[in-house]
Amino acid sequence: MMRAAVLAIAIAVVAVAMLPNPAWAGDPLAHTFSIVARDPVTGDFGVAVQSHWFQVGHSVPWAEAGVGAVTTQSFVKVDYGPLGLRLMKEGKSAKEALDLLLSQDPEKDVRQVAMVDGKGRVAAWTGPKCIAAAGDQTGAGYSVQANLMDKPTVWPAMARAFEAAKGDLADRLLAALDAAQAEGGDIRGRQSAALLVVRGQFAGEAWNGRLVDLRVDDNPQPLVELRRLLNLHRAYDEMNQGDDAVAKNDIAAAVSHYTKASQLAPDIVELPFWQAVTLFFSGKEDQALPIFRDVFAREDRWVRLVPRLPASGLLPNDPKKIEKILAVAPGGSRPKG
């Protein structure tokens, strides 16, 4: 009996090994909802996506400044992203690029892909073997698509939300994702999300063209986290612009940017610290000192940093001025070490 059982198992293993192995069996899964779009005013391109799958931002969203945007999902064939962008960069329309890649894909029936090109032309494909509810809808300069949804009203809700949304492209893309989730979203739930926005014009090196590049790899509320990260992104972008203004000795502009950054992310203690530094250096000591006082009360590490800044030209090289700042620390603390 034992030998018979072992023989039966061996036969079963061989039989399974001989079954056809579809090309898509090893492809990453990304049953999800997404949007690709071109902003008609700025020309910028964007992709936003949410899925109940780990690291959806790793394989689904693709975009290149001055070229277009692509989302490749369902049983993902990543090639559609970089190759689609390459074809559009060479002058093909979104439809021509998508049609060419589909014609070379023997497993196109399990793919879901959408593209938008430099002229705002869109193309989308939902293979007949994508898991229901699955479908797509295109509009002026955008395409929404989804598969394995709770119900077939998800992607139409995305389209309506995107068309009605206000704000910049990132805000409008997230409005579409919020609408999808509110309509029921992925039948399995939610896990990861991503947001990618690039310039409408060619920006030289690739990193110069990325305006927003955010990923939430694993979170019970990925869209909530994605919005939090977008707000932080905007705050730090203001900080970067402030730093650029300081480098150009445009102190008024620097103060403006640092102030906006602090308002966007009040919980990040470092942001008002640099706001205070710039105000003090520009002669607005009365405005700077209350901010220093609040920063020092929240985190005393910034007290220790102050004496190091004159050597970098960020605070006056005047011991009395530095003492004036340190005096507002709790108890008139002095730096140690």
Protein backbone atom coordinates (compact mmCIF):
# COMPACT_ATOMS: atom_id res chain seq x y z
CA MET A 1 0.00 0.00 0.00
CA MET A 2 2.82 2.40 0.89
CA ARG A 3 4.52 1.82 -2.47
CA ALA A 4 1.23 2.34 -4.28
CA ALA A 5 0.62 5.62 -2.48
CA VAL A 6 4.13 6.89 -3.28
CA LEU A 7 3.69 5.90 -6.92
CA ALA A 8 0.35 7.72 -7.09
CA ILE A 9 1.90 10.89 -5.68
CA ALA A 10 4.80 10.69 -8.14
CA ILE A 11 2.39 10.30 -11.06
CA ALA A 12 0.37 13.28 -9.83
CA VAL A 13 3.50 15.47 -9.56
CA VAL A 14 4.56 14.55 -13.10
CA ALA A 15 1.04 15.26 -14.38
CA VAL A 16 1.02 18.73 -12.80
CA ALA A 17 4.47 19.47 -14.20
CA MET A 18 3.20 18.61 -17.67
CA LEU A 19 0.26 21.03 -17.48
CA PRO A 20 0.56 24.12 -19.71
CA ASN A 21 2.31 26.92 -17.84
CA PRO A 22 0.84 30.25 -18.98
CA ALA A 23 3.37 33.00 -19.65
CA TRP A 24 1.57 35.23 -17.16
CA ALA A 25 1.90 32.76 -14.27
CA GLY A 26 5.08 34.45 -13.09
CA ASP A 27 3.88 38.01 -13.67
CA PRO A 28 3.27 40.20 -10.61
CA LEU A 29 -0.39 40.63 -9.73
CA ALA A 30 -1.83 44.12 -9.52
CA HIS A 31 -5.61 43.83 -9.49
CA THR A 32 -6.29 47.45 -8.85
CA PHE A 33 -7.77 50.78 -9.87
CA SER A 34 -5.74 53.56 -11.45
CA ILE A 35 -5.81 56.72 -13.52
CA VAL A 36 -3.42 58.20 -16.10
CA ALA A 37 -3.89 61.81 -17.14
CA ARG A 38 -2.39 64.88 -18.79
CA ASP A 39 -3.14 68.31 -17.32
CA PRO A 40 -4.49 70.47 -20.17
CA VAL A 41 -3.14 73.68 -18.59
CA THR A 42 0.39 72.72 -17.50
CA GLY A 43 0.87 69.74 -19.80
CA ASP A 44 2.08 67.69 -16.83
CA PHE A 45 1.47 63.93 -16.77
CA GLY A 46 0.35 61.86 -13.82
CA VAL A 47 -0.49 58.35 -12.66
CA ALA A 48 -2.24 57.36 -9.44
CA VAL A 49 -3.05 53.85 -8.27
CA GLN A 50 -4.31 51.83 -5.31
CA SER A 51 -4.34 48.06 -4.88
CA HIS A 52 -4.66 45.23 -2.40
CA TRP A 53 -1.15 44.13 -3.28
CA PHE A 54 2.25 44.89 -1.80
CA GLN A 55 4.29 47.68 -3.47
CA VAL A 56 1.91 48.52 -6.30
CA GLY A 57 4.06 51.57 -7.02
CA HIS A 58 6.98 49.34 -7.96
CA SER A 59 5.50 47.99 -11.19
CA VAL A 60 2.23 49.69 -12.19
CA PRO A 61 2.81 53.47 -12.68
CA TRP A 62 5.18 54.86 -15.32
CA ALA A 63 5.69 58.42 -16.57
CA GLU A 64 8.38 60.50 -18.27
CA ALA A 65 8.58 64.27 -18.56
CA GLY A 66 7.64 65.51 -22.00
CA VAL A 67 6.51 62.05 -23.12
CA GLY A 68 3.47 60.64 -21.32
CA ALA A 69 2.25 58.22 -18.71
CA VAL A 70 1.38 54.52 -18.55
CA THR A 71 -0.27 52.17 -16.09
CA THR A 72 0.13 48.40 -16.51
CA GLN A 73 -1.91 46.18 -14.19
CA SER A 74 -3.97 43.00 -13.70
CA PHE A 75 -1.39 40.27 -14.48
CA VAL A 76 1.31 42.88 -14.89
CA LYS A 77 3.69 42.84 -17.79
CA VAL A 78 6.06 45.60 -16.72
CA ASP A 79 7.35 45.99 -20.30
CA TYR A 80 4.28 48.05 -21.21
CA GLY A 81 5.59 50.85 -18.99
CA PRO A 82 9.11 51.57 -20.26
CA LEU A 83 8.46 50.31 -23.79
CA GLY A 84 5.24 52.31 -24.08
CA LEU A 85 7.08 55.46 -23.03
CA ARG A 86 9.88 54.71 -25.48
CA LEU A 87 7.45 54.28 -28.38
CA MET A 88 5.63 57.52 -27.53
CA LYS A 89 8.96 59.31 -27.22
CA GLU A 90 9.75 58.12 -30.74
CA GLY A 91 6.57 59.77 -31.98
CA LYS A 92 3.88 57.12 -31.80
CA SER A 93 0.49 58.02 -30.38
CA ALA A 94 -0.77 56.35 -27.23
CA LYS A 95 -3.01 54.09 -29.32
CA GLU A 96 -0.24 53.18 -31.77
CA ALA A 97 2.12 52.34 -28.92
CA LEU A 98 -0.47 50.27 -27.06
CA ASP A 99 -1.65 48.43 -30.17
CA LEU A 100 1.93 47.51 -31.11
CA LEU A 101 2.74 46.13 -27.67
CA LEU A 102 -0.53 44.21 -27.47
CA SER A 103 0.17 42.64 -30.85
CA GLN A 104 3.41 41.21 -29.44
CA ASP A 105 1.86 39.88 -26.22
CA PRO A 106 0.42 36.34 -26.45
CA GLU A 107 -1.17 36.80 -23.02
CA LYS A 108 -2.81 40.16 -23.70
CA ASP A 109 -6.19 38.81 -22.56
CA VAL A 110 -5.09 39.02 -18.90
CA ARG A 111 -3.56 42.50 -19.18
CA GLN A 112 -5.01 45.88 -18.35
CA VAL A 113 -3.06 48.86 -19.70
CA ALA A 114 -3.68 52.57 -20.27
CA MET A 115 -1.53 55.29 -21.83
CA VAL A 116 -1.66 59.04 -22.40
CA ASP A 117 0.75 60.76 -24.79
CA GLY A 118 2.22 64.24 -25.17
CA LYS A 119 -0.82 65.52 -27.04
CA GLY A 120 -3.27 64.24 -24.44
CA ARG A 121 -4.41 61.33 -26.59
CA VAL A 122 -5.38 58.28 -24.57
CA ALA A 123 -5.67 54.56 -25.17
CA ALA A 124 -6.77 51.75 -22.87
CA TRP A 125 -7.11 47.97 -22.96
CA THR A 126 -8.93 45.64 -20.58
CA GLY A 127 -8.36 42.03 -21.53
CA PRO A 128 -11.42 39.75 -21.54
CA LYS A 129 -9.78 37.50 -18.93
CA CYS A 130 -9.21 40.25 -16.38
CA ILE A 131 -11.09 39.35 -13.22
CA ALA A 132 -14.50 41.00 -12.91
CA ALA A 133 -15.57 43.56 -12.19
CA ALA A 134 -13.13 45.00 -14.71
CA GLY A 135 -13.26 47.81 -17.22
CA ASP A 136 -11.99 51.20 -18.30
CA GLN A 137 -13.31 54.59 -19.36
CA THR A 138 -11.51 57.33 -21.27
CA GLY A 139 -12.13 61.06 -21.32
CA ALA A 140 -10.39 64.23 -22.47
CA GLY A 141 -6.74 63.63 -21.62
CA TYR A 142 -7.30 60.80 -19.14
CA SER A 143 -8.19 57.15 -18.70
CA VAL A 144 -9.48 55.32 -15.61
CA GLN A 145 -9.29 51.54 -15.31
CA ALA A 146 -9.93 48.88 -12.71
CA ASN A 147 -10.14 45.13 -12.27
CA LEU A 148 -11.24 42.78 -9.49
CA MET A 149 -13.50 45.52 -8.19
CA ASP A 150 -16.42 45.11 -5.83
CA LYS A 151 -18.78 46.39 -8.52
CA PRO A 152 -18.68 47.80 -12.08
CA THR A 153 -19.53 51.33 -10.99
CA VAL A 154 -16.01 51.96 -9.64
CA TRP A 155 -14.29 53.32 -12.76
CA PRO A 156 -17.25 55.50 -13.88
CA ALA A 157 -17.18 57.06 -10.39
CA MET A 158 -13.47 57.75 -10.88
CA ALA A 159 -14.12 59.51 -14.18
CA ARG A 160 -16.82 61.72 -12.69
CA ALA A 161 -14.65 62.64 -9.72
CA PHE A 162 -11.62 63.50 -11.84
CA GLU A 163 -13.63 65.72 -14.16
CA ALA A 164 -15.26 67.57 -11.24
CA ALA A 165 -12.17 67.89 -9.03
CA LYS A 166 -10.37 71.16 -8.34
CA GLY A 167 -6.72 71.82 -7.56
CA ASP A 168 -3.54 70.73 -9.27
CA LEU A 169 -3.07 67.45 -11.12
CA ALA A 170 -2.02 65.54 -7.98
CA ASP A 171 -5.17 66.64 -6.15
CA ARG A 172 -7.38 65.63 -9.06
CA LEU A 173 -5.73 62.23 -9.42
CA LEU A 174 -6.25 61.51 -5.73
CA ALA A 175 -9.87 62.62 -6.01
CA ALA A 176 -10.37 59.85 -8.57
CA LEU A 177 -8.82 57.26 -6.23
CA ASP A 178 -10.97 58.45 -3.32
CA ALA A 179 -14.07 58.08 -5.47
CA ALA A 180 -13.10 54.52 -6.41
CA GLN A 181 -12.64 53.55 -2.77
CA ALA A 182 -15.92 55.22 -1.80
CA GLU A 183 -17.67 53.16 -4.49
CA GLY A 184 -16.40 49.91 -3.01
CA GLY A 185 -12.93 49.69 -4.54
CA ASP A 186 -11.00 46.44 -4.73
CA ILE A 187 -13.13 43.50 -3.58
CA ARG A 188 -10.14 42.22 -1.56
CA GLY A 189 -9.57 45.46 0.34
CA ARG A 190 -6.60 47.83 0.19
CA GLN A 191 -2.88 47.70 0.89
CA SER A 192 -0.69 49.99 -1.22
CA ALA A 193 -0.88 53.11 -3.38
CA ALA A 194 1.32 55.38 -5.47
CA LEU A 195 1.29 58.83 -7.05
CA LEU A 196 3.62 59.95 -9.84
CA VAL A 197 3.55 63.37 -11.56
CA VAL A 198 6.10 64.59 -14.13
CA ARG A 199 6.57 67.77 -16.11
CA GLY A 200 4.83 68.26 -19.41
CA GLN A 201 8.04 69.43 -21.04
CA PHE A 202 11.25 67.48 -21.47
CA ALA A 203 13.48 68.32 -18.51
CA GLY A 204 16.85 66.88 -19.51
CA GLU A 205 17.87 64.32 -16.93
CA ALA A 206 14.99 62.15 -15.73
CA TRP A 207 15.24 63.29 -12.11
CA ASN A 208 14.66 66.91 -13.13
CA GLY A 209 11.26 66.07 -14.55
CA ARG A 210 9.71 64.38 -11.50
CA LEU A 211 7.41 66.69 -9.59
CA VAL A 212 5.82 64.11 -7.27
CA ASP A 213 6.96 60.53 -6.69
CA LEU A 214 5.27 58.95 -3.67
CA ARG A 215 4.65 55.34 -2.68
CA VAL A 216 2.80 53.66 0.16
CA ASP A 217 3.95 50.05 0.07
CA ASP A 218 1.90 48.57 2.92
CA ASN A 219 -0.73 50.39 4.94
CA PRO A 220 -4.30 49.63 6.09
CA GLN A 221 -5.39 53.02 4.70
CA PRO A 222 -3.03 53.72 1.80
CA LEU A 223 -4.95 56.69 0.40
CA VAL A 224 -4.97 58.46 3.76
CA GLU A 225 -1.23 57.90 4.03
CA LEU A 226 -0.68 58.99 0.42
CA ARG A 227 -2.40 62.32 1.11
CA ARG A 228 -0.29 62.80 4.23
CA LEU A 229 2.85 62.19 2.20
CA LEU A 230 1.69 64.58 -0.51
CA ASN A 231 1.23 67.30 2.09
CA LEU A 232 4.74 66.62 3.44
CA HIS A 233 6.09 66.64 -0.11
CA ARG A 234 4.62 70.09 -0.64
CA ALA A 235 6.05 71.34 2.65
CA TYR A 236 9.55 70.13 1.86
CA ASP A 237 9.27 71.46 -1.68
CA GLU A 238 8.67 74.89 -0.12
CA MET A 239 11.76 74.31 2.05
CA ASN A 240 13.84 73.44 -1.01
CA GLN A 241 12.66 76.59 -2.75
CA GLY A 242 13.55 78.53 0.39
CA ASP A 243 17.06 77.06 0.35
CA ASP A 244 17.44 78.06 -3.31
CA ALA A 245 16.32 81.59 -2.44
CA VAL A 246 18.89 81.77 0.38
CA ALA A 247 21.62 80.66 -2.03
CA LYS A 248 20.60 83.57 -4.29
CA ASN A 249 20.48 85.94 -1.28
CA ASP A 250 16.77 86.51 -1.86
CA ILE A 251 15.89 86.53 1.83
CA ALA A 252 12.33 87.78 1.37
CA ALA A 253 11.49 84.88 -0.92
CA ALA A 254 13.22 82.43 1.42
CA VAL A 255 11.19 83.61 4.41
CA SER A 256 7.99 83.28 2.38
CA HIS A 257 8.80 79.69 1.36
CA TYR A 258 9.87 78.65 4.85
CA THR A 259 6.73 80.14 6.35
CA LYS A 260 4.53 78.20 3.93
CA ALA A 261 6.44 75.02 4.72
CA SER A 262 5.84 75.47 8.45
CA GLN A 263 2.16 76.07 7.86
CA LEU A 264 1.82 72.93 5.74
CA ALA A 265 3.59 70.66 8.23
CA PRO A 266 3.41 72.20 11.70
CA ASP A 267 4.36 68.91 13.38
CA ILE A 268 7.81 68.88 11.73
CA VAL A 269 9.93 70.89 14.16
CA GLU A 270 12.81 71.37 11.72
CA LEU A 271 10.74 73.47 9.33
CA PRO A 272 10.05 76.42 11.68
CA PHE A 273 13.64 76.21 12.91
CA TRP A 274 14.99 77.15 9.48
CA GLN A 275 12.25 79.73 9.13
CA ALA A 276 13.51 81.34 12.36
CA VAL A 277 17.14 81.12 11.24
CA THR A 278 16.37 82.95 8.01
CA LEU A 279 14.26 85.59 9.74
CA PHE A 280 16.99 86.26 12.30
CA PHE A 281 19.74 86.43 9.68
CA SER A 282 17.69 88.88 7.62
CA GLY A 283 17.39 91.24 10.59
CA LYS A 284 13.84 90.30 11.63
CA GLU A 285 14.95 89.23 15.09
CA ASP A 286 11.67 90.10 16.82
CA GLN A 287 9.83 87.70 14.49
CA ALA A 288 12.47 84.99 14.76
CA LEU A 289 12.90 84.75 18.54
CA PRO A 290 9.34 83.55 19.38
CA ILE A 291 9.73 80.84 16.76
CA PHE A 292 13.10 79.81 18.20
CA ARG A 293 11.50 79.72 21.67
CA ASP A 294 8.76 77.35 20.48
CA VAL A 295 11.21 75.11 18.61
CA PHE A 296 13.58 74.83 21.59
CA ALA A 297 10.68 74.00 23.91
CA ARG A 298 9.60 71.17 21.63
CA GLU A 299 13.05 69.67 20.90
CA ASP A 300 16.20 70.87 22.65
CA ARG A 301 18.51 69.38 20.02
CA TRP A 302 18.05 72.55 17.97
CA VAL A 303 19.66 74.58 20.75
CA ARG A 304 22.91 72.68 20.18
CA LEU A 305 22.80 73.32 16.45
CA VAL A 306 22.59 77.11 16.67
CA PRO A 307 26.28 77.83 17.50
CA ARG A 308 27.39 75.81 14.47
CA LEU A 309 25.54 77.92 11.92
CA PRO A 310 27.63 81.13 11.81
CA ALA A 311 30.54 79.20 10.29
CA SER A 312 28.24 78.22 7.42
CA GLY A 313 27.04 81.78 6.94
CA LEU A 314 23.51 80.98 8.09
CA LEU A 315 23.57 83.12 11.26
CA PRO A 316 25.55 86.26 12.11
CA ASN A 317 29.12 85.61 13.25
CA ASP A 318 28.47 87.60 16.39
CA PRO A 319 28.59 85.88 19.82
CA LYS A 320 26.14 88.38 21.28
CA LYS A 321 23.60 87.60 18.56
CA ILE A 322 23.97 83.87 19.17
CA GLU A 323 23.56 84.39 22.92
CA LYS A 324 20.37 86.30 22.19
CA ILE A 325 18.96 83.26 20.42
CA LEU A 326 20.11 80.79 23.06
CA ALA A 327 18.60 82.90 25.81
CA VAL A 328 15.08 82.02 24.66
CA ALA A 329 15.68 78.30 25.24
CA PRO A 330 13.97 76.84 28.37
CA GLY A 331 15.93 78.07 31.38
CA GLY A 332 18.25 80.01 29.10
CA SER A 333 19.95 76.73 28.18
CA ARG A 334 23.44 76.65 26.74
CA PRO A 335 24.61 74.06 24.24
CA LYS A 336 26.59 71.13 25.56
CA GLY A 337 29.21 69.23 23.64
